[in-house]
């Protein structure tokens, strides 16, 4: 028997954006199912209580209170619902505020449709998911908090452990021959891994890869 799709509720004050997200998710996957949407805090609180979704995709800034207010009013009565912030903002204060309010992750609206699906599925399974760079804000803010869930990055998750090893050394300035010696593999294998990482990250050279790895604190 096929697994049931993750039931998703959209909260954003822009109707066109909600329509676009719904259309994208409906067209590319059967892993998620959009079961409702809301454009205000009040509509969101009522809709979440009625629909009982698995995951709420939550805008951070709305005219009548925003994502933190939805969390404050919804979470006590719906503890099983998981909230994933989806916002245009990548400001540290926004990320930290909504995570403190109870969201399980935070991704920006530059995320691709396929990455968004993966993020929704991951948070529904108990992981915390963040767009690149944003995880660092949370790690800094909650550095001393015990029992935190592992933080995942939808893009980084595409890489194999060996590809991450190669990328980490590449970002530190190692030459291909030095990487090969460090990991006990051939130079040709290093080149294969680098090509794979470039393809998966859609970057074009080692300098872009180094910055990409630095943003994710791999270096």
N, C-alpha and C. Protein backbone atom coordinates (compact mmCIF):
# COMPACT_ATOMS: atom_id res chain seq x y z
N UNK A 1 0.85 -1.19 0.00
CA UNK A 1 0.00 0.00 0.00
C UNK A 1 0.89 1.25 0.00
N UNK A 2 0.55 2.21 -0.88
CA UNK A 2 1.34 3.43 -0.97
C UNK A 2 1.18 4.26 0.29
N UNK A 3 2.27 4.96 0.65
CA UNK A 3 2.20 5.83 1.81
C UNK A 3 1.27 7.01 1.52
N UNK A 4 0.59 7.46 2.56
CA UNK A 4 -0.29 8.61 2.39
C UNK A 4 0.55 9.87 2.16
N UNK A 5 0.07 10.77 1.31
CA UNK A 5 0.82 12.02 1.11
C UNK A 5 0.81 12.88 2.36
N UNK A 6 1.80 13.73 2.48
CA UNK A 6 1.86 14.69 3.58
C UNK A 6 0.83 15.78 3.30
N UNK A 7 -0.07 16.00 4.24
CA UNK A 7 -1.15 16.98 4.08
C UNK A 7 -0.63 18.37 4.48
N UNK A 8 -0.71 19.31 3.54
CA UNK A 8 -0.10 20.62 3.69
C UNK A 8 -1.15 21.73 3.69
N UNK A 9 -0.97 22.69 4.58
CA UNK A 9 -1.83 23.88 4.65
C UNK A 9 -0.96 25.10 4.37
N UNK A 10 -1.38 25.96 3.43
CA UNK A 10 -0.60 27.13 3.04
C UNK A 10 -1.09 28.38 3.75
N UNK A 11 -0.16 29.15 4.31
CA UNK A 11 -0.51 30.42 4.95
C UNK A 11 0.37 31.52 4.36
N UNK A 12 -0.24 32.41 3.60
CA UNK A 12 0.47 33.54 3.00
C UNK A 12 -0.56 34.59 2.62
N UNK A 13 -0.23 35.87 2.80
CA UNK A 13 -1.22 36.91 2.53
C UNK A 13 -1.32 37.28 1.05
N UNK A 14 -0.51 36.64 0.21
CA UNK A 14 -0.57 36.89 -1.23
C UNK A 14 -1.25 35.71 -1.92
N UNK A 15 -2.46 35.95 -2.42
CA UNK A 15 -3.23 34.88 -3.05
C UNK A 15 -2.55 34.28 -4.26
N UNK A 16 -1.88 35.11 -5.06
CA UNK A 16 -1.20 34.60 -6.25
C UNK A 16 -0.06 33.67 -5.86
N UNK A 17 0.63 34.00 -4.79
CA UNK A 17 1.72 33.12 -4.34
C UNK A 17 1.17 31.78 -3.88
N UNK A 18 0.08 31.81 -3.10
CA UNK A 18 -0.53 30.56 -2.64
C UNK A 18 -0.96 29.71 -3.81
N UNK A 19 -1.57 30.36 -4.81
CA UNK A 19 -2.04 29.62 -5.99
C UNK A 19 -0.86 29.00 -6.74
N UNK A 20 0.24 29.75 -6.81
CA UNK A 20 1.41 29.23 -7.51
C UNK A 20 2.03 28.05 -6.80
N UNK A 21 2.14 28.13 -5.46
CA UNK A 21 2.70 27.03 -4.69
C UNK A 21 1.80 25.80 -4.82
N UNK A 22 0.50 26.00 -4.69
CA UNK A 22 -0.43 24.88 -4.80
C UNK A 22 -0.30 24.21 -6.16
N UNK A 23 -0.28 25.00 -7.23
CA UNK A 23 -0.18 24.45 -8.58
C UNK A 23 1.12 23.69 -8.78
N UNK A 24 2.21 24.25 -8.28
CA UNK A 24 3.51 23.60 -8.42
C UNK A 24 3.54 22.26 -7.69
N UNK A 25 3.10 22.27 -6.45
CA UNK A 25 3.13 21.04 -5.66
C UNK A 25 2.21 19.97 -6.24
N UNK A 26 1.05 20.39 -6.72
CA UNK A 26 0.10 19.44 -7.30
C UNK A 26 0.63 18.82 -8.58
N UNK A 27 1.46 19.59 -9.31
CA UNK A 27 1.90 19.13 -10.63
C UNK A 27 3.15 18.26 -10.61
N UNK A 28 3.97 18.36 -9.55
CA UNK A 28 5.26 17.67 -9.60
C UNK A 28 5.36 16.45 -8.71
N UNK A 29 4.39 16.26 -7.79
CA UNK A 29 4.57 15.15 -6.85
C UNK A 29 3.24 14.68 -6.29
N UNK A 30 3.22 13.42 -5.85
CA UNK A 30 2.08 12.93 -5.09
C UNK A 30 2.49 12.66 -3.64
N UNK A 31 3.68 13.16 -3.27
CA UNK A 31 4.16 13.00 -1.89
C UNK A 31 3.48 13.96 -0.94
N UNK A 32 2.98 15.09 -1.48
CA UNK A 32 2.30 16.07 -0.65
C UNK A 32 0.94 16.39 -1.26
N UNK A 33 0.02 16.80 -0.41
CA UNK A 33 -1.32 17.17 -0.85
C UNK A 33 -1.72 18.46 -0.13
N UNK A 34 -2.02 19.50 -0.88
CA UNK A 34 -2.45 20.76 -0.30
C UNK A 34 -3.93 20.64 0.08
N UNK A 35 -4.21 20.76 1.37
CA UNK A 35 -5.58 20.53 1.85
C UNK A 35 -6.30 21.82 2.23
N UNK A 36 -5.59 22.94 2.23
CA UNK A 36 -6.23 24.20 2.58
C UNK A 36 -5.25 25.35 2.51
N UNK A 37 -5.78 26.56 2.62
CA UNK A 37 -4.93 27.74 2.59
C UNK A 37 -5.60 28.90 3.31
N UNK A 38 -4.81 29.88 3.68
CA UNK A 38 -5.34 31.04 4.39
C UNK A 38 -4.48 32.25 4.08
N UNK A 39 -5.12 33.45 4.13
CA UNK A 39 -4.41 34.69 3.84
C UNK A 39 -4.26 35.61 5.02
N UNK A 40 -4.86 35.24 6.15
CA UNK A 40 -4.75 36.05 7.36
C UNK A 40 -4.47 35.13 8.55
N UNK A 41 -4.06 35.75 9.66
CA UNK A 41 -3.80 34.98 10.87
C UNK A 41 -5.08 34.28 11.33
N UNK A 42 -6.19 35.02 11.36
CA UNK A 42 -7.44 34.44 11.82
C UNK A 42 -7.89 33.27 10.97
N UNK A 43 -7.80 33.42 9.64
CA UNK A 43 -8.17 32.34 8.74
C UNK A 43 -7.25 31.14 8.95
N UNK A 44 -5.98 31.42 9.17
CA UNK A 44 -5.01 30.34 9.36
C UNK A 44 -5.31 29.54 10.62
N UNK A 45 -5.57 30.22 11.71
CA UNK A 45 -5.85 29.55 12.98
C UNK A 45 -7.09 28.67 12.84
N UNK A 46 -8.14 29.22 12.22
CA UNK A 46 -9.37 28.45 12.04
C UNK A 46 -9.16 27.28 11.08
N UNK A 47 -8.45 27.54 9.98
CA UNK A 47 -8.24 26.50 8.98
C UNK A 47 -7.38 25.35 9.49
N UNK A 48 -6.36 25.67 10.25
CA UNK A 48 -5.49 24.63 10.80
C UNK A 48 -6.26 23.77 11.79
N UNK A 49 -7.08 24.40 12.61
CA UNK A 49 -7.89 23.65 13.57
C UNK A 49 -8.87 22.73 12.87
N UNK A 50 -9.41 23.18 11.73
CA UNK A 50 -10.41 22.39 11.01
C UNK A 50 -9.79 21.27 10.19
N UNK A 51 -8.73 21.60 9.45
CA UNK A 51 -8.14 20.64 8.52
C UNK A 51 -7.17 19.66 9.19
N UNK A 52 -6.56 20.07 10.29
CA UNK A 52 -5.57 19.22 10.98
C UNK A 52 -4.50 18.71 10.01
N UNK A 53 -3.78 19.61 9.34
CA UNK A 53 -2.76 19.19 8.38
C UNK A 53 -1.55 18.57 9.08
N UNK A 54 -0.70 17.93 8.28
CA UNK A 54 0.57 17.42 8.83
C UNK A 54 1.59 18.55 8.93
N UNK A 55 1.62 19.40 7.90
CA UNK A 55 2.60 20.48 7.82
C UNK A 55 1.91 21.77 7.39
N UNK A 56 2.26 22.87 8.05
CA UNK A 56 1.80 24.20 7.65
C UNK A 56 2.98 24.95 7.05
N UNK A 57 2.83 25.40 5.79
CA UNK A 57 3.81 26.28 5.17
C UNK A 57 3.41 27.70 5.53
N UNK A 58 4.27 28.39 6.25
CA UNK A 58 3.88 29.59 6.96
C UNK A 58 4.71 30.81 6.57
N UNK A 59 4.04 31.84 6.06
CA UNK A 59 4.73 33.09 5.79
C UNK A 59 5.07 33.78 7.11
N UNK A 60 6.17 34.48 7.13
CA UNK A 60 6.64 35.13 8.36
C UNK A 60 5.97 36.48 8.57
N UNK A 61 5.86 37.26 7.49
CA UNK A 61 5.31 38.62 7.59
C UNK A 61 3.93 38.69 6.95
N UNK A 62 2.93 39.02 7.78
CA UNK A 62 1.57 39.27 7.28
C UNK A 62 1.03 40.49 8.02
N UNK A 63 0.10 41.21 7.41
CA UNK A 63 -0.36 42.48 8.01
C UNK A 63 -0.94 42.35 9.41
N UNK A 64 -1.53 41.20 9.73
CA UNK A 64 -2.25 41.09 11.01
C UNK A 64 -1.53 40.23 12.04
N UNK A 65 -0.20 40.16 11.96
CA UNK A 65 0.53 39.46 13.00
C UNK A 65 1.64 38.54 12.54
N UNK A 66 1.44 37.90 11.41
CA UNK A 66 2.51 37.08 10.87
C UNK A 66 2.60 35.68 11.43
N UNK A 67 3.65 34.99 10.99
CA UNK A 67 3.82 33.58 11.32
C UNK A 67 3.93 33.30 12.80
N UNK A 68 4.62 34.14 13.54
CA UNK A 68 4.79 33.91 14.98
C UNK A 68 3.44 33.93 15.71
N UNK A 69 2.54 34.80 15.24
CA UNK A 69 1.22 34.88 15.86
C UNK A 69 0.38 33.64 15.55
N UNK A 70 0.50 33.15 14.31
CA UNK A 70 -0.19 31.90 13.95
C UNK A 70 0.30 30.76 14.84
N UNK A 71 1.59 30.69 15.02
CA UNK A 71 2.17 29.66 15.88
C UNK A 71 1.68 29.79 17.32
N UNK A 72 1.68 31.00 17.83
CA UNK A 72 1.28 31.23 19.22
C UNK A 72 -0.16 30.78 19.46
N UNK A 73 -1.02 31.02 18.47
CA UNK A 73 -2.44 30.71 18.65
C UNK A 73 -2.80 29.29 18.24
N UNK A 74 -1.99 28.67 17.38
CA UNK A 74 -2.35 27.34 16.85
C UNK A 74 -1.68 26.17 17.57
N UNK A 75 -0.46 26.34 17.97
CA UNK A 75 0.30 25.20 18.50
C UNK A 75 -0.29 24.57 19.76
N UNK A 76 -0.78 25.36 20.72
CA UNK A 76 -1.29 24.74 21.94
C UNK A 76 -2.40 23.72 21.69
N UNK A 77 -3.28 24.01 20.72
CA UNK A 77 -4.41 23.12 20.45
C UNK A 77 -4.11 22.11 19.35
N UNK A 78 -2.97 22.26 18.67
CA UNK A 78 -2.62 21.37 17.56
C UNK A 78 -1.16 20.94 17.67
N UNK A 79 -0.79 20.27 18.74
CA UNK A 79 0.62 19.95 18.97
C UNK A 79 1.22 19.01 17.95
N UNK A 80 0.37 18.27 17.23
CA UNK A 80 0.87 17.31 16.25
C UNK A 80 1.19 17.96 14.90
N UNK A 81 0.75 19.20 14.70
CA UNK A 81 0.98 19.89 13.43
C UNK A 81 2.39 20.48 13.41
N UNK A 82 3.08 20.30 12.29
CA UNK A 82 4.45 20.81 12.13
C UNK A 82 4.41 22.07 11.27
N UNK A 83 5.17 23.08 11.67
CA UNK A 83 5.19 24.35 10.96
C UNK A 83 6.55 24.57 10.29
N UNK A 84 6.51 24.90 9.00
CA UNK A 84 7.71 25.21 8.23
C UNK A 84 7.56 26.61 7.66
N UNK A 85 8.41 27.53 8.10
CA UNK A 85 8.35 28.90 7.60
C UNK A 85 8.83 28.96 6.15
N UNK A 86 8.09 29.70 5.33
CA UNK A 86 8.43 29.90 3.92
C UNK A 86 8.33 31.39 3.66
N UNK A 87 9.48 32.06 3.56
CA UNK A 87 9.47 33.52 3.55
C UNK A 87 10.47 34.08 2.56
N UNK A 88 10.22 35.32 2.13
CA UNK A 88 11.18 36.03 1.29
C UNK A 88 12.34 36.54 2.13
N UNK A 89 12.14 36.66 3.44
CA UNK A 89 13.16 37.22 4.33
C UNK A 89 14.20 36.17 4.73
N UNK A 90 15.45 36.59 4.74
CA UNK A 90 16.50 35.72 5.29
C UNK A 90 17.22 36.44 6.44
N UNK A 91 16.51 37.37 7.07
CA UNK A 91 17.09 38.13 8.19
C UNK A 91 17.16 37.25 9.43
N UNK A 92 18.27 37.35 10.15
CA UNK A 92 18.48 36.51 11.33
C UNK A 92 17.37 36.66 12.35
N UNK A 93 16.91 37.90 12.56
CA UNK A 93 15.88 38.11 13.58
C UNK A 93 14.56 37.42 13.23
N UNK A 94 14.24 37.37 11.93
CA UNK A 94 13.02 36.69 11.50
C UNK A 94 13.14 35.19 11.70
N UNK A 95 14.29 34.65 11.32
CA UNK A 95 14.52 33.21 11.46
C UNK A 95 14.42 32.80 12.93
N UNK A 96 15.15 33.51 13.77
CA UNK A 96 15.20 33.14 15.19
C UNK A 96 13.82 33.29 15.85
N UNK A 97 13.10 34.38 15.50
CA UNK A 97 11.80 34.63 16.11
C UNK A 97 10.81 33.51 15.81
N UNK A 98 10.76 33.07 14.56
CA UNK A 98 9.77 32.06 14.20
C UNK A 98 10.16 30.68 14.72
N UNK A 99 11.46 30.42 14.82
CA UNK A 99 11.91 29.14 15.38
C UNK A 99 11.63 29.12 16.89
N UNK A 100 11.87 30.23 17.55
CA UNK A 100 11.55 30.31 18.98
C UNK A 100 10.05 30.10 19.22
N UNK A 101 9.24 30.54 18.26
CA UNK A 101 7.79 30.40 18.39
C UNK A 101 7.33 28.96 18.15
N UNK A 102 8.22 28.14 17.57
CA UNK A 102 7.87 26.73 17.44
C UNK A 102 7.94 26.13 16.05
N UNK A 103 8.38 26.89 15.03
CA UNK A 103 8.51 26.33 13.70
C UNK A 103 9.64 25.29 13.67
N UNK A 104 9.49 24.27 12.82
CA UNK A 104 10.49 23.20 12.72
C UNK A 104 11.56 23.49 11.68
N UNK A 105 11.35 24.54 10.90
CA UNK A 105 12.34 24.87 9.88
C UNK A 105 12.01 26.20 9.24
N UNK A 106 12.91 26.64 8.35
CA UNK A 106 12.74 27.94 7.72
C UNK A 106 13.44 27.89 6.36
N UNK A 107 12.66 28.06 5.30
CA UNK A 107 13.23 28.10 3.95
C UNK A 107 12.78 29.38 3.28
N UNK A 108 13.59 29.89 2.37
CA UNK A 108 13.24 31.12 1.68
C UNK A 108 12.51 30.80 0.38
N UNK A 109 11.85 31.81 -0.15
CA UNK A 109 11.03 31.62 -1.34
C UNK A 109 11.85 31.46 -2.62
N UNK A 110 13.16 31.49 -2.51
CA UNK A 110 14.01 31.17 -3.66
C UNK A 110 14.17 29.66 -3.83
N UNK A 111 13.65 28.88 -2.90
CA UNK A 111 13.79 27.42 -2.95
C UNK A 111 13.06 26.87 -4.18
N UNK A 112 13.61 25.83 -4.79
CA UNK A 112 12.94 25.23 -5.94
C UNK A 112 11.76 24.38 -5.48
N UNK A 113 10.88 24.08 -6.41
CA UNK A 113 9.69 23.29 -6.08
C UNK A 113 10.07 21.92 -5.53
N UNK A 114 11.03 21.27 -6.17
CA UNK A 114 11.44 19.94 -5.72
C UNK A 114 12.09 19.99 -4.34
N UNK A 115 12.88 21.03 -4.09
CA UNK A 115 13.49 21.18 -2.77
C UNK A 115 12.44 21.46 -1.70
N UNK A 116 11.41 22.20 -2.08
CA UNK A 116 10.33 22.50 -1.13
C UNK A 116 9.59 21.21 -0.75
N UNK A 117 9.34 20.37 -1.73
CA UNK A 117 8.70 19.08 -1.43
C UNK A 117 9.55 18.28 -0.47
N UNK A 118 10.84 18.23 -0.73
CA UNK A 118 11.75 17.47 0.13
C UNK A 118 11.75 18.06 1.55
N UNK A 119 11.75 19.39 1.64
CA UNK A 119 11.74 20.04 2.95
C UNK A 119 10.46 19.70 3.72
N UNK A 120 9.33 19.72 3.03
CA UNK A 120 8.06 19.40 3.68
C UNK A 120 8.06 17.97 4.20
N UNK A 121 8.53 17.06 3.36
CA UNK A 121 8.57 15.65 3.78
C UNK A 121 9.52 15.47 4.96
N UNK A 122 10.65 16.14 4.91
CA UNK A 122 11.63 15.99 5.99
C UNK A 122 11.10 16.49 7.33
N UNK A 123 10.46 17.66 7.34
CA UNK A 123 9.95 18.17 8.61
C UNK A 123 8.80 17.30 9.12
N UNK A 124 8.04 16.73 8.19
CA UNK A 124 6.95 15.84 8.61
C UNK A 124 7.49 14.58 9.28
N UNK A 125 8.73 14.23 8.94
CA UNK A 125 9.37 13.04 9.52
C UNK A 125 10.15 13.36 10.78
N UNK A 126 10.18 14.63 11.17
CA UNK A 126 10.82 15.00 12.43
C UNK A 126 12.10 15.77 12.34
N UNK A 127 12.61 16.00 11.12
CA UNK A 127 13.84 16.75 10.95
C UNK A 127 13.57 18.25 11.01
N UNK A 128 14.62 19.01 11.26
CA UNK A 128 14.56 20.46 11.15
C UNK A 128 15.29 20.85 9.87
N UNK A 129 14.66 21.66 9.04
CA UNK A 129 15.19 21.97 7.71
C UNK A 129 15.34 23.48 7.53
N UNK A 130 16.50 23.88 7.01
CA UNK A 130 16.77 25.30 6.80
C UNK A 130 17.42 25.54 5.45
N UNK A 131 17.11 26.69 4.86
CA UNK A 131 17.81 27.11 3.65
C UNK A 131 19.27 27.39 3.98
N UNK A 132 20.14 27.37 2.95
CA UNK A 132 21.55 27.65 3.18
C UNK A 132 21.75 28.94 3.98
N UNK A 133 22.73 28.91 4.86
CA UNK A 133 23.14 30.05 5.69
C UNK A 133 22.24 30.26 6.90
N UNK A 134 20.95 29.96 6.77
CA UNK A 134 20.03 30.24 7.86
C UNK A 134 20.25 29.32 9.06
N UNK A 135 20.71 28.11 8.80
CA UNK A 135 20.96 27.17 9.91
C UNK A 135 21.97 27.75 10.89
N UNK A 136 22.93 28.52 10.36
CA UNK A 136 23.94 29.12 11.24
C UNK A 136 23.33 30.06 12.25
N UNK A 137 22.31 30.82 11.85
CA UNK A 137 21.64 31.72 12.80
C UNK A 137 21.05 30.93 13.96
N UNK A 138 20.42 29.81 13.62
CA UNK A 138 19.75 29.01 14.64
C UNK A 138 20.78 28.33 15.54
N UNK A 139 21.84 27.81 14.94
CA UNK A 139 22.89 27.17 15.74
C UNK A 139 23.49 28.15 16.74
N UNK A 140 23.70 29.37 16.27
CA UNK A 140 24.26 30.39 17.16
C UNK A 140 23.28 30.74 18.28
N UNK A 141 21.99 30.86 17.93
CA UNK A 141 20.99 31.28 18.90
C UNK A 141 20.68 30.20 19.92
N UNK A 142 20.80 28.93 19.51
CA UNK A 142 20.42 27.82 20.39
C UNK A 142 21.60 26.91 20.72
N UNK A 143 22.79 27.49 20.70
CA UNK A 143 24.01 26.69 20.86
C UNK A 143 24.02 25.89 22.15
N UNK A 144 23.44 26.43 23.20
CA UNK A 144 23.49 25.76 24.50
C UNK A 144 22.22 25.01 24.85
N UNK A 145 21.31 24.90 23.88
CA UNK A 145 20.04 24.26 24.18
C UNK A 145 20.15 22.75 23.98
N UNK A 146 19.90 21.94 25.00
CA UNK A 146 20.04 20.49 24.87
C UNK A 146 18.88 19.88 24.10
N UNK A 147 19.17 18.73 23.49
CA UNK A 147 18.12 17.94 22.87
C UNK A 147 17.60 18.48 21.56
N UNK A 148 18.35 19.35 20.90
CA UNK A 148 17.88 19.90 19.64
C UNK A 148 17.90 18.83 18.55
N UNK A 149 16.94 18.90 17.63
CA UNK A 149 16.87 17.93 16.54
C UNK A 149 17.96 18.23 15.52
N UNK A 150 18.41 17.22 14.77
CA UNK A 150 19.42 17.47 13.74
C UNK A 150 18.87 18.40 12.66
N UNK A 151 19.72 19.32 12.22
CA UNK A 151 19.32 20.28 11.20
C UNK A 151 19.78 19.77 9.84
N UNK A 152 18.87 19.76 8.88
CA UNK A 152 19.23 19.29 7.55
C UNK A 152 19.08 20.41 6.54
N UNK A 153 19.79 20.27 5.44
CA UNK A 153 19.79 21.23 4.36
C UNK A 153 19.38 20.47 3.11
N UNK A 154 18.27 20.82 2.47
CA UNK A 154 17.80 20.06 1.32
C UNK A 154 18.83 19.92 0.21
N UNK A 155 19.66 20.97 -0.02
CA UNK A 155 20.68 20.89 -1.07
C UNK A 155 21.85 20.02 -0.63
N UNK A 156 22.29 20.20 0.61
CA UNK A 156 23.41 19.42 1.11
C UNK A 156 23.07 17.94 1.18
N UNK A 157 21.81 17.64 1.45
CA UNK A 157 21.38 16.25 1.56
C UNK A 157 21.52 15.49 0.25
N UNK A 158 21.64 16.22 -0.86
CA UNK A 158 21.80 15.56 -2.16
C UNK A 158 23.18 14.94 -2.31
N UNK A 159 24.15 15.39 -1.53
CA UNK A 159 25.53 14.92 -1.67
C UNK A 159 25.76 13.66 -0.84
N UNK A 160 26.56 12.76 -1.39
CA UNK A 160 26.95 11.57 -0.64
C UNK A 160 28.00 11.94 0.39
N UNK A 161 28.23 11.10 1.41
CA UNK A 161 29.27 11.40 2.39
C UNK A 161 30.64 11.61 1.76
N UNK A 162 30.98 10.82 0.74
CA UNK A 162 32.29 10.98 0.09
C UNK A 162 32.36 12.30 -0.68
N UNK A 163 31.27 12.68 -1.32
CA UNK A 163 31.25 13.96 -2.03
C UNK A 163 31.43 15.11 -1.05
N UNK A 164 30.86 14.98 0.14
CA UNK A 164 31.05 16.03 1.16
C UNK A 164 32.50 16.09 1.61
N UNK A 165 33.14 14.93 1.75
CA UNK A 165 34.55 14.90 2.14
C UNK A 165 35.40 15.62 1.10
N UNK A 166 35.15 15.32 -0.16
CA UNK A 166 35.90 15.95 -1.25
C UNK A 166 35.64 17.45 -1.26
N UNK A 167 34.40 17.84 -1.12
CA UNK A 167 34.03 19.26 -1.13
C UNK A 167 34.69 20.01 0.02
N UNK A 168 34.72 19.40 1.19
CA UNK A 168 35.31 20.05 2.37
C UNK A 168 36.80 20.34 2.13
N UNK A 169 37.51 19.38 1.59
CA UNK A 169 38.94 19.58 1.32
C UNK A 169 39.15 20.57 0.18
N UNK A 170 38.30 20.48 -0.84
CA UNK A 170 38.40 21.41 -1.96
C UNK A 170 38.23 22.85 -1.47
N UNK A 171 37.27 23.05 -0.59
CA UNK A 171 37.00 24.39 -0.07
C UNK A 171 38.14 24.90 0.80
N UNK A 172 38.92 23.98 1.36
CA UNK A 172 40.08 24.37 2.18
C UNK A 172 41.30 24.68 1.33
N UNK A 173 41.17 24.54 0.00
CA UNK A 173 42.26 24.90 -0.89
C UNK A 173 43.14 23.75 -1.33
N UNK A 174 42.74 22.51 -1.01
CA UNK A 174 43.52 21.35 -1.43
C UNK A 174 43.47 21.19 -2.95
N UNK A 175 44.60 20.81 -3.55
CA UNK A 175 44.62 20.43 -4.96
C UNK A 175 44.04 19.02 -5.12
N UNK A 176 43.64 18.65 -6.34
CA UNK A 176 43.06 17.34 -6.57
C UNK A 176 43.99 16.23 -6.09
N UNK A 177 45.28 16.39 -6.35
CA UNK A 177 46.24 15.36 -5.96
C UNK A 177 46.31 15.23 -4.44
N UNK A 178 46.21 16.37 -3.75
CA UNK A 178 46.25 16.35 -2.28
C UNK A 178 44.98 15.73 -1.70
N UNK A 179 43.86 16.00 -2.33
CA UNK A 179 42.60 15.39 -1.90
C UNK A 179 42.66 13.88 -2.07
N UNK A 180 43.19 13.45 -3.21
CA UNK A 180 43.31 12.02 -3.48
C UNK A 180 44.17 11.34 -2.42
N UNK A 181 45.30 11.97 -2.07
CA UNK A 181 46.19 11.40 -1.06
C UNK A 181 45.53 11.37 0.32
N UNK A 182 44.80 12.42 0.65
CA UNK A 182 44.15 12.52 1.96
C UNK A 182 43.05 11.46 2.13
N UNK A 183 42.32 11.18 1.04
CA UNK A 183 41.18 10.27 1.12
C UNK A 183 41.50 8.87 0.60
N UNK A 184 42.74 8.67 0.16
CA UNK A 184 43.18 7.36 -0.34
C UNK A 184 42.34 6.92 -1.54
N UNK A 185 42.15 7.86 -2.47
CA UNK A 185 41.45 7.56 -3.72
C UNK A 185 42.28 8.13 -4.86
N UNK A 186 41.91 7.81 -6.09
CA UNK A 186 42.67 8.30 -7.24
C UNK A 186 42.25 9.72 -7.60
N UNK A 187 43.12 10.40 -8.34
CA UNK A 187 42.80 11.75 -8.80
C UNK A 187 41.57 11.71 -9.70
N UNK A 188 41.48 10.67 -10.51
CA UNK A 188 40.33 10.54 -11.40
C UNK A 188 39.02 10.43 -10.60
N UNK A 189 39.07 9.71 -9.48
CA UNK A 189 37.89 9.59 -8.63
C UNK A 189 37.53 10.93 -8.01
N UNK A 190 38.55 11.69 -7.63
CA UNK A 190 38.30 13.04 -7.11
C UNK A 190 37.59 13.89 -8.16
N UNK A 191 38.09 13.83 -9.38
CA UNK A 191 37.49 14.60 -10.47
C UNK A 191 36.03 14.19 -10.70
N UNK A 192 35.77 12.90 -10.59
CA UNK A 192 34.40 12.40 -10.76
C UNK A 192 33.49 12.96 -9.67
N UNK A 193 33.99 12.95 -8.43
CA UNK A 193 33.19 13.48 -7.31
C UNK A 193 32.93 14.98 -7.48
N UNK A 194 33.96 15.71 -7.88
CA UNK A 194 33.80 17.16 -8.07
C UNK A 194 32.77 17.45 -9.17
N UNK A 195 32.85 16.70 -10.25
CA UNK A 195 31.88 16.88 -11.34
C UNK A 195 30.46 16.60 -10.86
N UNK A 196 30.32 15.58 -10.04
CA UNK A 196 29.01 15.23 -9.50
C UNK A 196 28.47 16.34 -8.60
N UNK A 197 29.35 16.88 -7.74
CA UNK A 197 28.94 17.96 -6.83
C UNK A 197 28.54 19.20 -7.63
N UNK A 198 29.32 19.54 -8.65
CA UNK A 198 29.00 20.70 -9.49
C UNK A 198 27.63 20.53 -10.15
N UNK A 199 27.36 19.31 -10.61
CA UNK A 199 26.08 19.04 -11.27
C UNK A 199 24.93 19.17 -10.27
N UNK A 200 25.10 18.59 -9.09
CA UNK A 200 24.02 18.61 -8.09
C UNK A 200 23.76 20.00 -7.54
N UNK A 201 24.81 20.79 -7.40
CA UNK A 201 24.65 22.14 -6.84
C UNK A 201 24.38 23.19 -7.91
N UNK A 202 24.55 22.78 -9.19
CA UNK A 202 24.35 23.68 -10.33
C UNK A 202 25.30 24.87 -10.28
N UNK A 203 26.52 24.60 -9.78
CA UNK A 203 27.57 25.62 -9.78
C UNK A 203 28.54 25.32 -10.90
N UNK A 204 29.46 26.27 -11.18
CA UNK A 204 30.28 26.12 -12.38
C UNK A 204 31.78 25.96 -12.12
N UNK A 205 32.27 26.27 -10.92
CA UNK A 205 33.70 26.15 -10.67
C UNK A 205 33.99 25.96 -9.19
N UNK A 206 35.26 25.67 -8.87
CA UNK A 206 35.63 25.36 -7.50
C UNK A 206 35.51 26.57 -6.58
N UNK A 207 35.61 27.77 -7.13
CA UNK A 207 35.50 28.97 -6.29
C UNK A 207 34.05 29.15 -5.80
N UNK A 208 33.11 28.88 -6.69
CA UNK A 208 31.70 28.92 -6.27
C UNK A 208 31.41 27.80 -5.27
N UNK A 209 32.02 26.64 -5.50
CA UNK A 209 31.84 25.52 -4.57
C UNK A 209 32.39 25.86 -3.19
N UNK A 210 33.53 26.52 -3.16
CA UNK A 210 34.14 26.89 -1.88
C UNK A 210 33.24 27.81 -1.08
N UNK A 211 32.64 28.77 -1.77
CA UNK A 211 31.71 29.68 -1.09
C UNK A 211 30.46 28.93 -0.63
N UNK A 212 29.97 28.03 -1.47
CA UNK A 212 28.79 27.22 -1.14
C UNK A 212 29.05 26.39 0.12
N UNK A 213 30.24 25.79 0.18
CA UNK A 213 30.60 24.98 1.34
C UNK A 213 30.78 25.84 2.58
N UNK A 214 31.36 27.03 2.41
CA UNK A 214 31.55 27.93 3.54
C UNK A 214 30.22 28.39 4.12
N UNK A 215 29.24 28.67 3.25
CA UNK A 215 27.92 29.10 3.70
C UNK A 215 27.26 28.03 4.57
N UNK A 216 27.62 26.76 4.30
CA UNK A 216 27.03 25.65 5.07
C UNK A 216 27.95 25.17 6.19
N UNK A 217 28.99 25.94 6.46
CA UNK A 217 29.91 25.65 7.56
C UNK A 217 30.56 24.26 7.42
N UNK A 218 30.86 23.88 6.18
CA UNK A 218 31.55 22.61 5.96
C UNK A 218 33.05 22.76 6.12
N UNK A 219 33.52 24.00 6.01
CA UNK A 219 34.97 24.23 6.00
C UNK A 219 35.51 24.34 7.42
